[in-house]
Amino acid sequence: MYELKKRFRISAAHRLHNETLSKDVNKKWFGKCNELHGHNYNITLILRYVGQLDPSGMIINFDELKVLFKKYIDDVYDHKLLNNCPGFEEKVVTAELMAHVFYDRLKPKLKELYGVEVEETDGASATYYKA
């Protein structure tokens, strides 16, 4: 089995807030992250492939990955308020949810996609793998 990883970066803002909870509970659960703030996210696509590689010797060309990432993630989420973006409306925009939403957007176009990791801050990340 082969595993390939490619990391990308987007910058975006979000607010950890649950509309069904009181202002005090939101403040208690999310602290200062209950306020609007932003991150430079590292997003790693994890591909897995079982079998013989074709004559190119690659699972996929990195340039093809860049095109898919730009169209389905970068163009939609980079320099945006994530709370207003597709997949995040009326949800708490956590790194866990981001990894899941990004996986779901890319998987139909990238059959070898195994997981998506979203690193929100240095050393703090969440990864989504389809069970």
N, C-alpha and C. Protein backbone atom coordinates (compact mmCIF):
# COMPACT_ATOMS: atom_id res chain seq x y z
N MET A 1 0.85 -1.18 0.00
CA MET A 1 0.00 0.00 0.00
C MET A 1 0.90 1.24 0.00
N TYR A 2 0.46 2.23 -0.74
CA TYR A 2 1.14 3.53 -0.79
C TYR A 2 0.31 4.57 -0.06
N GLU A 3 0.99 5.50 0.58
CA GLU A 3 0.31 6.64 1.19
C GLU A 3 1.00 7.90 0.74
N LEU A 4 0.22 8.85 0.31
CA LEU A 4 0.73 10.13 -0.17
C LEU A 4 0.06 11.24 0.64
N LYS A 5 0.85 12.24 1.03
CA LYS A 5 0.30 13.38 1.76
C LYS A 5 0.72 14.66 1.06
N LYS A 6 -0.21 15.58 0.96
CA LYS A 6 0.08 16.90 0.39
C LYS A 6 -0.56 17.95 1.28
N ARG A 7 0.24 18.92 1.71
CA ARG A 7 -0.26 19.96 2.61
C ARG A 7 -0.49 21.25 1.84
N PHE A 8 -1.60 21.88 2.16
CA PHE A 8 -1.99 23.16 1.59
C PHE A 8 -2.25 24.13 2.74
N ARG A 9 -2.44 25.40 2.40
CA ARG A 9 -2.68 26.40 3.43
C ARG A 9 -3.79 27.34 2.98
N ILE A 10 -4.71 27.63 3.91
CA ILE A 10 -5.69 28.68 3.69
C ILE A 10 -5.72 29.56 4.93
N SER A 11 -6.18 30.78 4.75
CA SER A 11 -6.41 31.70 5.86
C SER A 11 -7.89 31.99 5.90
N ALA A 12 -8.46 31.89 7.10
CA ALA A 12 -9.91 32.12 7.22
C ALA A 12 -10.25 32.49 8.65
N ALA A 13 -11.43 33.08 8.80
CA ALA A 13 -11.94 33.47 10.11
C ALA A 13 -13.08 32.55 10.50
N HIS A 14 -13.31 32.45 11.80
CA HIS A 14 -14.47 31.71 12.31
C HIS A 14 -14.77 32.16 13.73
N ARG A 15 -15.87 31.68 14.20
CA ARG A 15 -16.28 31.95 15.58
C ARG A 15 -16.89 30.66 16.12
N LEU A 16 -16.38 30.20 17.26
CA LEU A 16 -16.98 29.03 17.90
C LEU A 16 -18.18 29.50 18.69
N HIS A 17 -19.35 29.12 18.19
CA HIS A 17 -20.59 29.59 18.80
C HIS A 17 -21.71 28.63 18.44
N ASN A 18 -22.51 28.28 19.45
CA ASN A 18 -23.66 27.40 19.24
C ASN A 18 -24.91 28.22 19.54
N GLU A 19 -25.71 28.47 18.51
CA GLU A 19 -26.92 29.30 18.63
C GLU A 19 -27.93 28.75 19.63
N THR A 20 -27.89 27.46 19.90
CA THR A 20 -28.87 26.87 20.81
C THR A 20 -28.47 27.04 22.28
N LEU A 21 -27.29 27.57 22.54
CA LEU A 21 -26.81 27.75 23.91
C LEU A 21 -26.85 29.22 24.30
N SER A 22 -26.89 29.47 25.58
CA SER A 22 -26.90 30.85 26.07
C SER A 22 -25.54 31.50 25.85
N LYS A 23 -25.53 32.82 25.94
CA LYS A 23 -24.29 33.58 25.81
C LYS A 23 -23.27 33.12 26.85
N ASP A 24 -23.72 32.90 28.08
CA ASP A 24 -22.82 32.48 29.15
C ASP A 24 -22.23 31.09 28.90
N VAL A 25 -23.05 30.15 28.42
CA VAL A 25 -22.56 28.80 28.15
C VAL A 25 -21.58 28.83 26.99
N ASN A 26 -21.88 29.60 25.94
CA ASN A 26 -20.95 29.73 24.83
C ASN A 26 -19.62 30.27 25.32
N LYS A 27 -19.65 31.29 26.17
CA LYS A 27 -18.43 31.89 26.70
C LYS A 27 -17.66 30.86 27.54
N LYS A 28 -18.39 30.08 28.33
CA LYS A 28 -17.75 29.07 29.18
C LYS A 28 -17.10 27.97 28.34
N TRP A 29 -17.83 27.46 27.35
CA TRP A 29 -17.32 26.37 26.52
C TRP A 29 -16.18 26.80 25.60
N PHE A 30 -16.33 27.95 24.96
CA PHE A 30 -15.40 28.33 23.90
C PHE A 30 -14.42 29.43 24.28
N GLY A 31 -14.61 30.06 25.43
CA GLY A 31 -13.68 31.09 25.89
C GLY A 31 -13.52 32.20 24.86
N LYS A 32 -12.26 32.63 24.69
CA LYS A 32 -12.02 33.73 23.76
C LYS A 32 -12.30 33.34 22.30
N CYS A 33 -12.37 32.04 22.02
CA CYS A 33 -12.68 31.60 20.65
C CYS A 33 -14.16 31.79 20.31
N ASN A 34 -14.96 32.22 21.30
CA ASN A 34 -16.35 32.57 21.03
C ASN A 34 -16.42 33.89 20.26
N GLU A 35 -15.34 34.63 20.27
CA GLU A 35 -15.24 35.88 19.49
C GLU A 35 -14.72 35.56 18.09
N LEU A 36 -15.03 36.43 17.15
CA LEU A 36 -14.54 36.28 15.78
C LEU A 36 -13.01 36.37 15.76
N HIS A 37 -12.37 35.40 15.12
CA HIS A 37 -10.90 35.37 15.02
C HIS A 37 -10.51 34.54 13.80
N GLY A 38 -9.23 34.52 13.49
CA GLY A 38 -8.80 33.81 12.30
C GLY A 38 -7.56 32.96 12.53
N HIS A 39 -7.30 32.10 11.55
CA HIS A 39 -6.14 31.20 11.58
C HIS A 39 -5.56 31.06 10.18
N ASN A 40 -4.31 30.67 10.14
CA ASN A 40 -3.69 30.18 8.92
C ASN A 40 -3.69 28.66 9.05
N TYR A 41 -4.63 28.03 8.38
CA TYR A 41 -4.83 26.59 8.51
C TYR A 41 -3.91 25.83 7.57
N ASN A 42 -3.28 24.76 8.08
CA ASN A 42 -2.60 23.78 7.24
C ASN A 42 -3.57 22.63 7.03
N ILE A 43 -3.82 22.32 5.78
CA ILE A 43 -4.75 21.25 5.44
C ILE A 43 -3.98 20.19 4.67
N THR A 44 -3.96 18.98 5.23
CA THR A 44 -3.22 17.89 4.61
C THR A 44 -4.19 16.87 4.05
N LEU A 45 -4.04 16.59 2.77
CA LEU A 45 -4.80 15.54 2.11
C LEU A 45 -3.99 14.26 2.21
N ILE A 46 -4.64 13.18 2.63
CA ILE A 46 -3.99 11.89 2.80
C ILE A 46 -4.62 10.93 1.81
N LEU A 47 -3.82 10.43 0.88
CA LEU A 47 -4.30 9.49 -0.13
C LEU A 47 -3.68 8.13 0.13
N ARG A 48 -4.44 7.09 -0.12
CA ARG A 48 -3.93 5.72 -0.02
C ARG A 48 -4.28 4.97 -1.30
N TYR A 49 -3.33 4.13 -1.69
CA TYR A 49 -3.52 3.37 -2.92
C TYR A 49 -2.94 1.98 -2.73
N VAL A 50 -3.73 0.97 -3.05
CA VAL A 50 -3.28 -0.42 -2.99
C VAL A 50 -3.19 -0.92 -4.42
N GLY A 51 -2.04 -1.46 -4.78
CA GLY A 51 -1.88 -2.02 -6.11
C GLY A 51 -0.61 -1.55 -6.78
N GLN A 52 -0.51 -1.87 -8.04
CA GLN A 52 0.65 -1.49 -8.83
C GLN A 52 0.50 -0.05 -9.31
N LEU A 53 1.56 0.70 -9.23
CA LEU A 53 1.54 2.05 -9.79
C LEU A 53 1.59 1.96 -11.31
N ASP A 54 1.00 2.92 -11.97
CA ASP A 54 1.06 2.95 -13.43
C ASP A 54 2.47 3.39 -13.86
N PRO A 55 2.75 3.44 -15.16
CA PRO A 55 4.09 3.80 -15.62
C PRO A 55 4.60 5.16 -15.13
N SER A 56 3.72 6.05 -14.69
CA SER A 56 4.17 7.35 -14.17
C SER A 56 4.85 7.18 -12.82
N GLY A 57 4.54 6.08 -12.12
CA GLY A 57 5.11 5.85 -10.80
C GLY A 57 4.45 6.68 -9.71
N MET A 58 3.30 7.29 -10.01
CA MET A 58 2.62 8.16 -9.05
C MET A 58 1.20 7.68 -8.79
N ILE A 59 0.71 7.98 -7.57
CA ILE A 59 -0.71 7.79 -7.28
C ILE A 59 -1.49 8.87 -8.02
N ILE A 60 -1.00 10.10 -7.92
CA ILE A 60 -1.57 11.24 -8.61
C ILE A 60 -0.48 12.30 -8.73
N ASN A 61 -0.51 13.06 -9.77
CA ASN A 61 0.44 14.15 -9.95
C ASN A 61 0.07 15.27 -8.96
N PHE A 62 1.06 15.82 -8.26
CA PHE A 62 0.80 16.88 -7.30
C PHE A 62 0.09 18.08 -7.94
N ASP A 63 0.38 18.34 -9.21
CA ASP A 63 -0.31 19.44 -9.90
C ASP A 63 -1.81 19.18 -10.00
N GLU A 64 -2.21 17.94 -10.21
CA GLU A 64 -3.64 17.60 -10.24
C GLU A 64 -4.28 17.84 -8.87
N LEU A 65 -3.55 17.49 -7.80
CA LEU A 65 -4.06 17.75 -6.46
C LEU A 65 -4.25 19.24 -6.22
N LYS A 66 -3.29 20.04 -6.69
CA LYS A 66 -3.38 21.49 -6.52
C LYS A 66 -4.64 22.04 -7.20
N VAL A 67 -4.94 21.56 -8.39
CA VAL A 67 -6.11 22.01 -9.12
C VAL A 67 -7.39 21.66 -8.36
N LEU A 68 -7.48 20.42 -7.88
CA LEU A 68 -8.67 20.00 -7.12
C LEU A 68 -8.81 20.80 -5.82
N PHE A 69 -7.70 20.98 -5.11
CA PHE A 69 -7.75 21.73 -3.85
C PHE A 69 -8.19 23.16 -4.11
N LYS A 70 -7.65 23.78 -5.13
CA LYS A 70 -8.00 25.17 -5.43
C LYS A 70 -9.49 25.29 -5.73
N LYS A 71 -10.01 24.41 -6.56
CA LYS A 71 -11.41 24.51 -6.98
C LYS A 71 -12.39 24.22 -5.84
N TYR A 72 -12.13 23.18 -5.05
CA TYR A 72 -13.13 22.72 -4.08
C TYR A 72 -12.90 23.22 -2.65
N ILE A 73 -11.70 23.73 -2.35
CA ILE A 73 -11.43 24.23 -1.01
C ILE A 73 -10.97 25.69 -1.05
N ASP A 74 -9.87 25.97 -1.69
CA ASP A 74 -9.29 27.32 -1.66
C ASP A 74 -10.25 28.38 -2.20
N ASP A 75 -10.83 28.14 -3.36
CA ASP A 75 -11.73 29.14 -3.95
C ASP A 75 -13.00 29.36 -3.12
N VAL A 76 -13.37 28.38 -2.31
CA VAL A 76 -14.62 28.45 -1.55
C VAL A 76 -14.40 28.98 -0.13
N TYR A 77 -13.24 28.66 0.48
CA TYR A 77 -13.06 28.93 1.91
C TYR A 77 -11.92 29.91 2.25
N ASP A 78 -10.95 30.09 1.38
CA ASP A 78 -9.81 30.94 1.70
C ASP A 78 -10.24 32.40 1.84
N HIS A 79 -9.78 33.05 2.90
CA HIS A 79 -10.07 34.45 3.20
C HIS A 79 -11.57 34.71 3.31
N LYS A 80 -12.26 33.76 3.92
CA LYS A 80 -13.71 33.87 4.13
C LYS A 80 -14.01 33.71 5.62
N LEU A 81 -15.23 34.09 6.00
CA LEU A 81 -15.77 33.78 7.31
C LEU A 81 -16.40 32.40 7.19
N LEU A 82 -15.76 31.39 7.77
CA LEU A 82 -16.18 30.01 7.58
C LEU A 82 -17.62 29.76 8.03
N ASN A 83 -18.06 30.46 9.06
CA ASN A 83 -19.43 30.27 9.57
C ASN A 83 -20.49 30.51 8.49
N ASN A 84 -20.14 31.26 7.43
CA ASN A 84 -21.08 31.57 6.35
C ASN A 84 -20.83 30.74 5.09
N CYS A 85 -19.92 29.79 5.15
CA CYS A 85 -19.53 29.02 3.97
C CYS A 85 -20.26 27.68 3.89
N PRO A 86 -20.32 27.09 2.68
CA PRO A 86 -20.99 25.80 2.49
C PRO A 86 -20.49 24.73 3.45
N GLY A 87 -21.43 24.05 4.08
CA GLY A 87 -21.12 22.97 5.00
C GLY A 87 -21.04 23.40 6.45
N PHE A 88 -20.96 24.70 6.70
CA PHE A 88 -20.77 25.19 8.07
C PHE A 88 -21.94 26.01 8.60
N GLU A 89 -22.93 26.28 7.78
CA GLU A 89 -24.05 27.10 8.22
C GLU A 89 -24.71 26.49 9.44
N GLU A 90 -24.91 27.33 10.46
CA GLU A 90 -25.60 26.94 11.70
C GLU A 90 -24.91 25.80 12.44
N LYS A 91 -23.59 25.67 12.28
CA LYS A 91 -22.81 24.65 12.98
C LYS A 91 -21.65 25.31 13.70
N VAL A 92 -21.10 24.62 14.67
CA VAL A 92 -19.91 25.11 15.36
C VAL A 92 -18.72 24.74 14.49
N VAL A 93 -18.01 25.73 13.98
CA VAL A 93 -16.93 25.51 13.00
C VAL A 93 -15.63 25.15 13.72
N THR A 94 -15.49 23.86 14.00
CA THR A 94 -14.29 23.34 14.65
C THR A 94 -13.35 22.74 13.60
N ALA A 95 -12.13 22.45 13.99
CA ALA A 95 -11.19 21.77 13.10
C ALA A 95 -11.73 20.39 12.71
N GLU A 96 -12.42 19.73 13.65
CA GLU A 96 -13.00 18.42 13.35
C GLU A 96 -14.03 18.52 12.23
N LEU A 97 -14.92 19.51 12.33
CA LEU A 97 -15.94 19.69 11.30
C LEU A 97 -15.30 20.10 9.97
N MET A 98 -14.31 20.95 10.02
CA MET A 98 -13.63 21.36 8.79
C MET A 98 -13.05 20.15 8.06
N ALA A 99 -12.37 19.27 8.80
CA ALA A 99 -11.77 18.09 8.18
C ALA A 99 -12.85 17.23 7.52
N HIS A 100 -13.99 17.08 8.18
CA HIS A 100 -15.09 16.28 7.63
C HIS A 100 -15.69 16.93 6.38
N VAL A 101 -15.97 18.22 6.44
CA VAL A 101 -16.55 18.93 5.31
C VAL A 101 -15.61 18.90 4.11
N PHE A 102 -14.33 19.15 4.33
CA PHE A 102 -13.36 19.15 3.24
C PHE A 102 -13.23 17.75 2.63
N TYR A 103 -13.25 16.73 3.46
CA TYR A 103 -13.21 15.35 2.95
C TYR A 103 -14.41 15.10 2.04
N ASP A 104 -15.60 15.45 2.53
CA ASP A 104 -16.82 15.21 1.75
C ASP A 104 -16.83 15.97 0.43
N ARG A 105 -16.23 17.15 0.40
CA ARG A 105 -16.18 17.93 -0.85
C ARG A 105 -15.21 17.31 -1.85
N LEU A 106 -14.11 16.75 -1.37
CA LEU A 106 -13.06 16.24 -2.26
C LEU A 106 -13.23 14.78 -2.67
N LYS A 107 -13.81 13.96 -1.80
CA LYS A 107 -13.87 12.52 -2.05
C LYS A 107 -14.51 12.15 -3.39
N PRO A 108 -15.62 12.79 -3.80
CA PRO A 108 -16.20 12.40 -5.10
C PRO A 108 -15.26 12.65 -6.28
N LYS A 109 -14.31 13.54 -6.13
CA LYS A 109 -13.38 13.87 -7.21
C LYS A 109 -12.03 13.17 -7.07
N LEU A 110 -11.82 12.53 -5.91
CA LEU A 110 -10.50 11.98 -5.59
C LEU A 110 -10.68 10.63 -4.89
N LYS A 111 -10.83 9.58 -5.67
CA LYS A 111 -11.19 8.28 -5.10
C LYS A 111 -10.15 7.74 -4.13
N GLU A 112 -8.89 8.14 -4.27
CA GLU A 112 -7.83 7.66 -3.39
C GLU A 112 -7.77 8.40 -2.06
N LEU A 113 -8.63 9.43 -1.89
CA LEU A 113 -8.60 10.21 -0.65
C LEU A 113 -8.96 9.31 0.53
N TYR A 114 -8.08 9.30 1.52
CA TYR A 114 -8.28 8.47 2.71
C TYR A 114 -8.65 9.31 3.93
N GLY A 115 -8.09 10.51 4.01
CA GLY A 115 -8.37 11.38 5.14
C GLY A 115 -7.97 12.81 4.87
N VAL A 116 -8.46 13.71 5.73
CA VAL A 116 -8.10 15.12 5.65
C VAL A 116 -7.75 15.58 7.07
N GLU A 117 -6.58 16.19 7.20
CA GLU A 117 -6.15 16.74 8.47
C GLU A 117 -6.20 18.26 8.39
N VAL A 118 -6.76 18.89 9.42
CA VAL A 118 -6.79 20.35 9.51
C VAL A 118 -6.01 20.75 10.76
N GLU A 119 -4.91 21.44 10.55
CA GLU A 119 -4.11 21.96 11.66
C GLU A 119 -4.47 23.43 11.84
N GLU A 120 -5.10 23.72 12.98
CA GLU A 120 -5.58 25.07 13.26
C GLU A 120 -4.47 25.96 13.80
N THR A 121 -3.70 25.44 14.72
CA THR A 121 -2.54 26.14 15.26
C THR A 121 -1.40 25.13 15.33
N ASP A 122 -0.21 25.60 15.49
CA ASP A 122 0.96 24.73 15.52
C ASP A 122 0.78 23.62 16.56
N GLY A 123 0.71 22.39 16.08
CA GLY A 123 0.59 21.24 16.97
C GLY A 123 -0.83 20.86 17.36
N ALA A 124 -1.83 21.60 16.90
CA ALA A 124 -3.23 21.29 17.23
C ALA A 124 -3.99 21.01 15.95
N SER A 125 -4.36 19.74 15.75
CA SER A 125 -5.03 19.38 14.51
C SER A 125 -6.11 18.34 14.76
N ALA A 126 -6.97 18.18 13.75
CA ALA A 126 -8.01 17.15 13.75
C ALA A 126 -7.99 16.49 12.38
N THR A 127 -8.20 15.19 12.36
CA THR A 127 -8.20 14.43 11.11
C THR A 127 -9.51 13.67 10.98
N TYR A 128 -10.07 13.70 9.78
CA TYR A 128 -11.28 12.93 9.49
C TYR A 128 -10.93 11.82 8.52
N TYR A 129 -11.32 10.59 8.89
CA TYR A 129 -11.23 9.43 8.04
C TYR A 129 -12.63 8.84 7.93
N LYS A 130 -13.04 8.46 6.75
CA LYS A 130 -14.34 7.81 6.59
C LYS A 130 -14.29 6.42 7.22
N ALA A 131 -15.23 6.15 8.11
CA ALA A 131 -15.26 4.86 8.80
C ALA A 131 -15.70 3.75 7.89
